């Protein structure tokens, strides 16, 4: 089916929805059609209310209702496009992965699961809504890594250059909290498009110089990925932020307004919300030696059977009836380690996927985990040993690589999202947005 036919069918479906009984409309209504999906009024209202609540808690002013609603709808449209792609690719987050993530969220906030639930309720969310938000966040993160990682190539020479820069900075490792307002432009803008964007940039700069709140203007006007956060990118080192930002902020002070600066995405107006300095320090790297058994769910082996089988292995190991090494050699579906009795050798925990990393970090030497799920399948892991090393040089190289990757990843994600949106059929039917466009 060609794209035009698909558009006509979707449009016909929306017309049919509009023509159905008023009772159905009372339940909820469609505010946007996004390929084969729709965004509902309840979703939009929920996100707008969350932004308002966060702003009130931070004492942050907000723009008028319509620009706030437009930004929230834009985020929901992009989220819908990504979730549809994840479904087409067969990406899934299991209930077990979700529960493990929620436990980790509670632990990172120093709360019990019960305290986390109470806090969620106080924020006006049901626990079911919170679970769905966390599930989607994990899924979107996995999807972005899946789609964008292949676009990024980092050479040894690039890593060496950043290592040298880090060493030259020495004790001065300044971090900046950067704000960004992006006024979008097409890839090859014409003279009129450039004139309109430049005029809008000048108007915003004039308002900012007269004391307007940067975050409020970002929510109202920015097309950047952090628009609903007031354009706030958080604390970043010079080598962590997009190269456009790093060149712009390094010779400026807190509170300065910078721009407009042209990039492939459009015109940027930047500010520095805060600046922090920190001293370089010796890094001690922790490495672990773990042994594991992996079972992969399939048509033959269900999720429940894989989990139950590993629980049985754990009971046998604890009772001294079997050894982890023998069971791994016989049953593990990780061919690389099974031949060595499940031994993974020495590695930094950060080298593993998040659920495996978090589980290993919680174990004491000699301790056996409960069965847990990762994107690879069900695991049973035993921590064999742990060691601490002075790894300042090694850590600097790893940090340099990660800094380059993070910078490229941020830039490529935005390009990927723009491409995803350009290829989509999107129709805005929100009556509060009079022109029917985002």
Protein backbone atom coordinates (compact mmCIF):
# COMPACT_ATOMS: atom_id res chain seq x y z
CA UNK A 1 0.00 0.00 0.00
CA UNK A 2 1.48 3.35 -1.02
CA UNK A 3 1.77 6.23 1.43
CA UNK A 4 -1.02 8.26 -0.20
CA UNK A 5 -3.52 5.38 0.10
CA UNK A 6 -2.50 4.89 3.70
CA UNK A 7 -3.08 8.58 4.40
CA UNK A 8 -6.56 8.44 2.85
CA UNK A 9 -7.49 5.37 4.87
CA UNK A 10 -6.27 6.94 8.12
CA UNK A 11 -8.07 10.19 7.33
CA UNK A 12 -11.24 8.23 6.64
CA UNK A 13 -10.79 6.43 9.94
CA UNK A 14 -10.51 9.73 11.79
CA UNK A 15 -13.66 11.01 10.06
CA UNK A 16 -15.45 7.85 11.11
CA UNK A 17 -14.26 8.32 14.68
CA UNK A 18 -15.61 11.87 14.64
CA UNK A 19 -18.96 10.73 13.26
CA UNK A 20 -19.55 7.99 15.85
CA UNK A 21 -21.72 8.38 18.91
CA UNK A 22 -21.23 11.29 21.27
CA UNK A 23 -20.95 8.78 24.09
CA UNK A 24 -17.61 7.57 22.70
CA UNK A 25 -16.38 11.16 22.50
CA UNK A 26 -17.15 11.66 26.18
CA UNK A 27 -14.70 8.89 27.05
CA UNK A 28 -11.74 10.41 25.21
CA UNK A 29 -10.97 12.09 21.92
CA UNK A 30 -8.21 11.98 19.33
CA UNK A 31 -5.91 15.00 19.18
CA UNK A 32 -3.42 13.64 16.61
CA UNK A 33 -3.12 10.80 14.11
CA UNK A 34 0.42 9.39 13.85
CA UNK A 35 0.74 6.74 11.13
CA UNK A 36 -1.35 3.82 12.47
CA UNK A 37 -1.59 5.25 15.98
CA UNK A 38 -3.47 8.11 17.66
CA UNK A 39 -2.67 10.49 20.51
CA UNK A 40 -5.56 10.96 22.90
CA UNK A 41 -6.72 14.00 24.83
CA UNK A 42 -6.15 12.16 28.11
CA UNK A 43 -2.48 11.53 27.22
CA UNK A 44 -1.95 15.15 26.28
CA UNK A 45 -3.69 16.50 29.39
CA UNK A 46 -1.71 14.12 31.58
CA UNK A 47 1.65 15.27 30.18
CA UNK A 48 0.70 18.96 30.37
CA UNK A 49 -0.33 18.52 34.01
CA UNK A 50 2.97 16.76 34.81
CA UNK A 51 4.95 19.64 33.30
CA UNK A 52 2.87 22.15 35.26
CA UNK A 53 3.37 20.25 38.51
CA UNK A 54 7.15 20.01 37.97
CA UNK A 55 7.29 23.73 37.17
CA UNK A 56 5.34 24.63 40.33
CA UNK A 57 7.64 22.46 42.45
CA UNK A 58 10.69 24.25 40.96
CA UNK A 59 9.12 27.71 41.16
CA UNK A 60 9.41 27.91 37.38
CA UNK A 61 7.09 30.16 35.30
CA UNK A 62 5.33 28.59 32.32
CA UNK A 63 4.19 30.00 28.95
CA UNK A 64 0.55 30.29 27.92
CA UNK A 65 -1.54 27.13 27.62
CA UNK A 66 -1.41 26.82 23.82
CA UNK A 67 2.42 26.79 23.34
CA UNK A 68 2.76 24.44 26.31
CA UNK A 69 0.13 22.15 24.81
CA UNK A 70 1.89 22.28 21.42
CA UNK A 71 5.23 21.24 22.92
CA UNK A 72 3.61 18.41 24.88
CA UNK A 73 1.82 17.16 21.76
CA UNK A 74 5.08 17.25 19.78
CA UNK A 75 6.73 15.04 22.40
CA UNK A 76 3.81 12.57 22.35
CA UNK A 77 3.92 12.43 18.55
CA UNK A 78 7.64 11.60 18.56
CA UNK A 79 7.09 9.04 21.31
CA UNK A 80 4.33 7.40 19.28
CA UNK A 81 6.57 7.18 16.20
CA UNK A 82 9.31 5.52 18.23
CA UNK A 83 6.97 3.07 19.96
CA UNK A 84 5.51 2.04 16.61
CA UNK A 85 9.00 1.42 15.24
CA UNK A 86 9.92 -0.60 18.35
CA UNK A 87 6.83 -2.76 17.80
CA UNK A 88 7.74 -3.35 14.15
CA UNK A 89 11.25 -4.38 15.20
CA UNK A 90 9.87 -6.75 17.85
CA UNK A 91 11.49 -4.94 20.79
CA UNK A 92 9.86 -5.79 24.11
CA UNK A 93 10.36 -4.96 27.78
CA UNK A 94 9.17 -7.86 29.93
CA UNK A 95 7.32 -7.40 33.21
CA UNK A 96 10.34 -8.82 35.01
CA UNK A 97 12.70 -6.28 33.43
CA UNK A 98 10.21 -3.55 34.32
CA UNK A 99 9.93 -4.62 37.96
CA UNK A 100 13.72 -4.78 38.27
CA UNK A 101 13.99 -1.26 36.84
CA UNK A 102 11.39 0.06 39.31
CA UNK A 103 13.22 -1.57 42.23
CA UNK A 104 16.42 0.13 41.03
CA UNK A 105 14.62 3.49 40.77
CA UNK A 106 13.40 3.14 44.36
CA UNK A 107 16.88 2.14 45.55
CA UNK A 108 18.54 5.08 43.75
CA UNK A 109 16.13 7.45 45.52
CA UNK A 110 16.76 5.80 48.90
CA UNK A 111 13.17 4.56 49.11
CA UNK A 112 11.36 1.28 49.59
CA UNK A 113 8.97 0.20 46.79
CA UNK A 114 6.07 1.17 49.10
CA UNK A 115 7.51 4.67 49.63
CA UNK A 116 8.00 5.03 45.87
CA UNK A 117 4.35 4.12 45.29
CA UNK A 118 3.22 6.69 47.84
CA UNK A 119 5.31 9.38 46.15
CA UNK A 120 3.86 8.51 42.75
CA UNK A 121 0.33 8.83 44.11
CA UNK A 122 1.17 12.22 45.63
CA UNK A 123 2.27 13.39 42.16
CA UNK A 124 -1.19 12.55 40.79
CA UNK A 125 -0.18 9.39 38.90
CA UNK A 126 -1.58 5.91 39.31
CA UNK A 127 0.95 3.11 39.74
CA UNK A 128 -0.22 1.62 36.41
CA UNK A 129 0.54 4.92 34.65
CA UNK A 130 3.96 5.09 36.30
CA UNK A 131 4.76 1.51 35.22
CA UNK A 132 3.78 2.33 31.64
CA UNK A 133 5.95 5.46 31.65
CA UNK A 134 8.98 3.52 32.93
CA UNK A 135 8.38 0.72 30.42
CA UNK A 136 8.22 3.23 27.55
CA UNK A 137 11.34 5.07 28.75
CA UNK A 138 13.33 1.82 28.82
CA UNK A 139 11.96 0.79 25.43
CA UNK A 140 12.74 4.17 23.81
CA UNK A 141 16.25 4.08 25.26
CA UNK A 142 16.85 0.57 23.87
CA UNK A 143 15.40 1.60 20.49
CA UNK A 144 17.62 4.70 20.24
CA UNK A 145 20.74 2.66 21.05
CA UNK A 146 19.64 0.03 18.54
CA UNK A 147 19.08 2.56 15.74
CA UNK A 148 21.78 5.16 16.38
CA UNK A 149 24.76 3.11 17.59
CA UNK A 150 25.50 1.89 14.07
CA UNK A 151 25.85 5.49 12.85
CA UNK A 152 28.74 6.23 15.22
CA UNK A 153 32.36 5.36 14.44
CA UNK A 154 35.16 6.49 16.78
CA UNK A 155 38.82 6.17 15.81
CA UNK A 156 41.75 5.59 18.17
CA UNK A 157 43.15 8.94 17.07
CA UNK A 158 39.99 10.75 18.22
CA UNK A 159 40.23 9.06 21.62
CA UNK A 160 43.91 10.05 21.95
CA UNK A 161 43.07 13.68 21.13
CA UNK A 162 40.36 13.85 23.81
CA UNK A 163 42.64 12.11 26.35
CA UNK A 164 45.24 14.80 25.67
CA UNK A 165 42.62 17.53 26.12
CA UNK A 166 41.55 16.02 29.45
CA UNK A 167 45.17 15.92 30.63
CA UNK A 168 45.77 19.52 29.54
CA UNK A 169 42.74 20.63 31.54
CA UNK A 170 44.49 19.15 34.57
CA UNK A 171 42.85 20.32 37.78
CA UNK A 172 40.36 22.48 35.92
CA UNK A 173 37.38 20.30 34.99
CA UNK A 174 34.71 22.95 34.70
CA UNK A 175 31.12 21.86 34.08
CA UNK A 176 28.39 24.03 32.60
CA UNK A 177 24.61 23.88 32.92
CA UNK A 178 23.53 24.93 29.45
CA UNK A 179 20.16 26.13 28.19
CA UNK A 180 19.22 25.89 24.51
CA UNK A 181 16.41 27.37 22.41
CA UNK A 182 16.35 25.87 18.91
CA UNK A 183 14.49 27.64 16.10
CA UNK A 184 14.29 24.95 13.40
CA UNK A 185 15.26 25.33 9.75
CA UNK A 186 15.00 22.82 6.88
CA UNK A 187 18.17 21.30 5.47
CA UNK A 188 18.31 23.84 2.62
CA UNK A 189 16.36 26.90 3.78
CA UNK A 190 15.38 29.60 1.32
CA UNK A 191 15.89 33.32 1.92
CA UNK A 192 12.42 33.83 3.40
CA UNK A 193 12.79 30.92 5.86
CA UNK A 194 16.14 32.30 7.02
CA UNK A 195 14.66 35.78 7.38
CA UNK A 196 11.74 34.53 9.49
CA UNK A 197 13.99 32.43 11.78
CA UNK A 198 16.44 35.32 12.20
CA UNK A 199 13.61 37.72 12.98
CA UNK A 200 12.21 35.37 15.62
CA UNK A 201 15.69 34.93 17.11
CA UNK A 202 16.14 38.69 17.38
CA UNK A 203 12.76 39.05 19.08
CA UNK A 204 13.65 36.36 21.64
CA UNK A 205 17.08 37.91 22.26
CA UNK A 206 15.42 41.27 22.86
CA UNK A 207 13.02 39.70 25.39
CA UNK A 208 15.88 37.90 27.16
CA UNK A 209 17.94 41.11 27.41
CA UNK A 210 14.92 42.77 29.01
CA UNK A 211 14.80 40.07 31.70
CA UNK A 212 12.45 37.44 30.22
CA UNK A 213 12.77 33.94 31.71
CA UNK A 214 14.87 31.71 29.43
CA UNK A 215 13.13 28.48 30.47
CA UNK A 216 9.68 29.94 29.84
CA UNK A 217 10.68 31.04 26.33
CA UNK A 218 12.28 27.66 25.64
CA UNK A 219 9.07 25.83 26.51
CA UNK A 220 7.08 28.18 24.29
CA UNK A 221 9.37 28.37 21.25
CA UNK A 222 12.17 25.78 21.20
CA UNK A 223 12.11 22.80 18.85
CA UNK A 224 14.97 21.14 20.74
CA UNK A 225 14.70 17.79 22.56
CA UNK A 226 14.75 19.46 26.00
CA UNK A 227 12.04 22.02 25.26
CA UNK A 228 9.61 20.79 27.95
CA UNK A 229 12.48 20.95 30.46
CA UNK A 230 12.92 24.66 29.67
CA UNK A 231 15.79 23.91 27.28
CA UNK A 232 17.92 22.73 30.25
CA UNK A 233 20.59 20.20 29.21
CA UNK A 234 21.87 19.71 32.75
CA UNK A 235 25.49 19.79 33.92
CA UNK A 236 27.98 18.93 31.16
CA UNK A 237 31.74 19.14 30.76
CA UNK A 238 33.18 20.83 27.68
CA UNK A 239 33.92 17.44 26.11
CA UNK A 240 30.49 16.02 26.96
CA UNK A 241 28.25 18.58 25.28
CA UNK A 242 27.56 18.89 21.53
CA UNK A 243 30.52 20.58 19.82
CA UNK A 244 28.38 23.61 18.92
CA UNK A 245 27.71 24.20 22.64
CA UNK A 246 31.30 23.63 23.77
CA UNK A 247 32.73 26.22 21.40
CA UNK A 248 30.07 28.75 22.40
CA UNK A 249 30.17 28.49 26.21
CA UNK A 250 33.83 28.03 27.12
CA UNK A 251 34.66 31.74 27.06
CA UNK A 252 31.39 32.94 28.60
CA UNK A 253 30.07 33.43 32.13
CA UNK A 254 27.03 32.37 34.13
CA UNK A 255 23.91 34.17 32.91
CA UNK A 256 25.35 35.15 29.51
CA UNK A 257 23.05 34.92 26.49
CA UNK A 258 24.81 33.52 23.42
CA UNK A 259 23.69 33.51 19.81
CA UNK A 260 21.98 33.10 17.55
CA UNK A 261 24.30 30.34 16.29
CA UNK A 262 23.55 28.41 13.10
CA UNK A 263 23.69 24.60 12.92
CA UNK A 264 22.28 22.02 10.53
CA UNK A 265 19.12 21.92 12.68
CA UNK A 266 18.48 25.68 12.76
CA UNK A 267 19.32 28.70 14.90
CA UNK A 268 20.33 28.28 18.56
CA UNK A 269 20.14 30.73 21.43
CA UNK A 270 22.15 29.51 24.42
CA UNK A 271 22.58 30.52 28.03
CA UNK A 272 24.67 29.30 30.96
CA UNK A 273 22.43 28.57 33.95
CA UNK A 274 25.34 27.58 36.20
CA UNK A 275 29.08 26.79 36.24
CA UNK A 276 30.82 24.34 38.56
CA UNK A 277 34.49 23.45 38.89
CA UNK A 278 35.95 20.18 40.13
CA UNK A 279 39.43 18.83 40.75
CA UNK A 280 40.90 15.83 38.99
CA UNK A 281 41.33 12.78 41.20
CA UNK A 282 42.86 9.34 41.11
CA UNK A 283 40.37 6.79 39.86
CA UNK A 284 40.05 3.34 41.36
CA UNK A 285 38.39 0.85 39.03
CA UNK A 286 36.39 -2.07 40.39
CA UNK A 287 36.48 -5.29 38.40
CA UNK A 288 34.42 -8.39 39.07
CA UNK A 289 34.79 -12.01 38.12
CA UNK A 290 31.39 -13.61 37.67
CA UNK A 291 30.04 -16.97 36.56
CA UNK A 292 26.58 -17.29 35.02
CA UNK A 293 24.02 -19.56 33.41
CA UNK A 294 21.87 -18.15 30.59
CA UNK A 295 18.56 -19.64 29.46
CA UNK A 296 16.77 -18.07 26.47
CA UNK A 297 12.96 -18.25 26.40
CA UNK A 298 11.53 -19.76 23.21
CA UNK A 299 8.48 -21.59 21.89
CA UNK A 300 9.74 -24.67 23.71
CA UNK A 301 10.85 -22.92 26.92
CA UNK A 302 8.48 -20.27 28.30
CA UNK A 303 9.52 -17.33 30.45
CA UNK A 304 8.09 -19.06 33.52
CA UNK A 305 9.85 -22.35 32.78
CA UNK A 306 13.23 -20.65 32.26
CA UNK A 307 12.88 -18.76 35.56
CA UNK A 308 11.71 -21.88 37.42
CA UNK A 309 14.54 -23.99 36.02
CA UNK A 310 17.17 -21.51 37.15
CA UNK A 311 15.53 -21.35 40.59
CA UNK A 312 15.92 -25.14 40.76
CA UNK A 313 19.60 -24.85 39.79
CA UNK A 314 20.08 -22.28 42.57
CA UNK A 315 18.55 -24.60 45.17
CA UNK A 316 20.82 -27.46 44.04
CA UNK A 317 23.93 -25.24 44.21
CA UNK A 318 23.07 -23.92 47.68
CA UNK A 319 22.41 -27.45 48.91
CA UNK A 320 25.79 -28.61 47.61
CA UNK A 321 24.16 -31.07 45.22
CA UNK A 322 25.61 -29.45 42.09
CA UNK A 323 28.26 -26.92 41.10
CA UNK A 324 27.64 -23.69 39.21
CA UNK A 325 30.43 -24.56 36.76
CA UNK A 326 29.02 -28.00 35.87
CA UNK A 327 25.47 -26.71 35.44
CA UNK A 328 26.69 -23.80 33.28
CA UNK A 329 28.76 -26.12 31.11
CA UNK A 330 25.78 -28.45 30.63
CA UNK A 331 22.83 -26.04 30.33
CA UNK A 332 23.95 -22.43 29.69
CA UNK A 333 23.00 -20.99 26.30
CA UNK A 334 25.86 -18.48 26.34
CA UNK A 335 28.36 -20.33 24.09
CA UNK A 336 31.23 -17.99 24.92
CA UNK A 337 31.19 -18.74 28.65
CA UNK A 338 29.46 -22.16 28.85
CA UNK A 339 32.60 -23.93 27.65
CA UNK A 340 34.41 -22.38 30.65
CA UNK A 341 31.75 -23.34 33.15
CA UNK A 342 30.00 -19.96 32.82
CA UNK A 343 33.16 -18.02 33.78
CA UNK A 344 33.02 -14.49 32.34
CA UNK A 345 36.54 -13.55 33.45
CA UNK A 346 37.52 -10.19 34.91
CA UNK A 347 35.49 -7.22 33.72
CA UNK A 348 34.23 -3.83 34.89
CA UNK A 349 30.51 -4.15 35.80
CA UNK A 350 29.76 -1.26 33.40
CA UNK A 351 30.66 -3.55 30.49
CA UNK A 352 27.50 -5.59 31.10
CA UNK A 353 23.90 -4.72 30.20
CA UNK A 354 22.16 -2.70 32.90
CA UNK A 355 20.19 -5.48 34.63
CA UNK A 356 23.27 -7.76 34.77
CA UNK A 357 25.47 -4.88 35.97
CA UNK A 358 23.03 -3.89 38.72
CA UNK A 359 22.67 -7.48 39.93
CA UNK A 360 26.43 -8.12 40.04
CA UNK A 361 27.03 -4.85 41.90
CA UNK A 362 24.63 -5.95 44.65
CA UNK A 363 26.29 -9.34 45.26
CA UNK A 364 28.93 -10.18 47.85
CA UNK A 365 31.86 -12.39 46.85
CA UNK A 366 30.61 -15.99 46.72
CA UNK A 367 26.95 -14.98 46.71
CA UNK A 368 24.47 -16.44 44.23
CA UNK A 369 21.75 -14.25 42.73
CA UNK A 370 18.09 -15.02 42.27
CA UNK A 371 17.10 -15.66 38.64
CA UNK A 372 16.71 -12.36 36.76
CA UNK A 373 15.82 -11.24 33.24
CA UNK A 374 17.89 -9.18 30.81
CA UNK A 375 17.37 -8.49 27.12
CA UNK A 376 19.41 -11.66 26.44
CA UNK A 377 17.25 -14.01 28.52
CA UNK A 378 17.15 -15.39 32.08
CA UNK A 379 20.35 -15.43 34.16
CA UNK A 380 21.65 -17.01 37.32
CA UNK A 381 24.92 -15.35 38.35
CA UNK A 382 27.49 -15.96 41.08
CA UNK A 383 30.13 -13.39 42.05
CA UNK A 384 33.43 -15.25 42.18
CA UNK A 385 35.74 -12.40 43.15
CA UNK A 386 36.19 -8.62 43.14
CA UNK A 387 39.27 -6.41 42.90
CA UNK A 388 40.13 -2.70 43.00
CA UNK A 389 42.89 -1.20 40.86
CA UNK A 390 44.39 2.23 40.30
CA UNK A 391 43.05 2.85 36.82
CA UNK A 392 43.50 6.57 36.27
CA UNK A 393 45.05 6.16 32.79
CA UNK A 394 42.66 3.43 31.73
CA UNK A 395 39.70 5.34 33.15
CA UNK A 396 40.76 8.47 31.24
CA UNK A 397 40.74 6.54 27.96
CA UNK A 398 37.36 5.02 28.75
CA UNK A 399 36.02 8.43 29.72
CA UNK A 400 37.37 9.96 26.51
CA UNK A 401 35.67 7.28 24.41
CA UNK A 402 32.40 7.69 26.32
CA UNK A 403 32.54 11.49 25.99
CA UNK A 404 32.93 11.23 22.21
CA UNK A 405 30.21 8.59 21.98
CA UNK A 406 27.76 10.59 24.11
CA UNK A 407 28.35 13.75 22.08
CA UNK A 408 27.88 11.95 18.76
CA UNK A 409 24.91 9.99 20.13
CA UNK A 410 23.08 13.18 21.16
CA UNK A 411 23.62 14.73 17.73
CA UNK A 412 22.67 11.58 15.81
CA UNK A 413 19.54 10.93 17.89
CA UNK A 414 18.14 14.31 16.89
CA UNK A 415 18.92 13.63 13.21
CA UNK A 416 17.31 10.18 13.45
CA UNK A 417 14.16 11.61 15.09
CA UNK A 418 13.90 14.29 12.40
CA UNK A 419 14.12 11.61 9.71
CA UNK A 420 11.51 9.49 11.50
CA UNK A 421 9.14 12.44 11.66
CA UNK A 422 9.71 13.50 8.03
CA UNK A 423 8.76 10.01 6.81
CA UNK A 424 5.58 9.81 8.91
CA UNK A 425 1.94 10.68 8.27
CA UNK A 426 0.92 13.10 11.03
CA UNK A 427 -2.41 14.90 11.26
CA UNK A 428 -3.19 17.22 14.17
CA UNK A 429 -6.90 17.29 15.08
CA UNK A 430 -6.52 19.12 18.39
CA UNK A 431 -9.10 21.90 18.31
CA UNK A 432 -6.91 24.02 20.63
CA UNK A 433 -4.27 24.23 17.87
CA UNK A 434 -6.16 26.19 15.26
CA UNK A 435 -3.83 25.68 12.28
CA UNK A 436 -3.83 21.89 12.60
CA UNK A 437 -0.02 21.72 12.61
CA UNK A 438 2.76 21.39 15.14
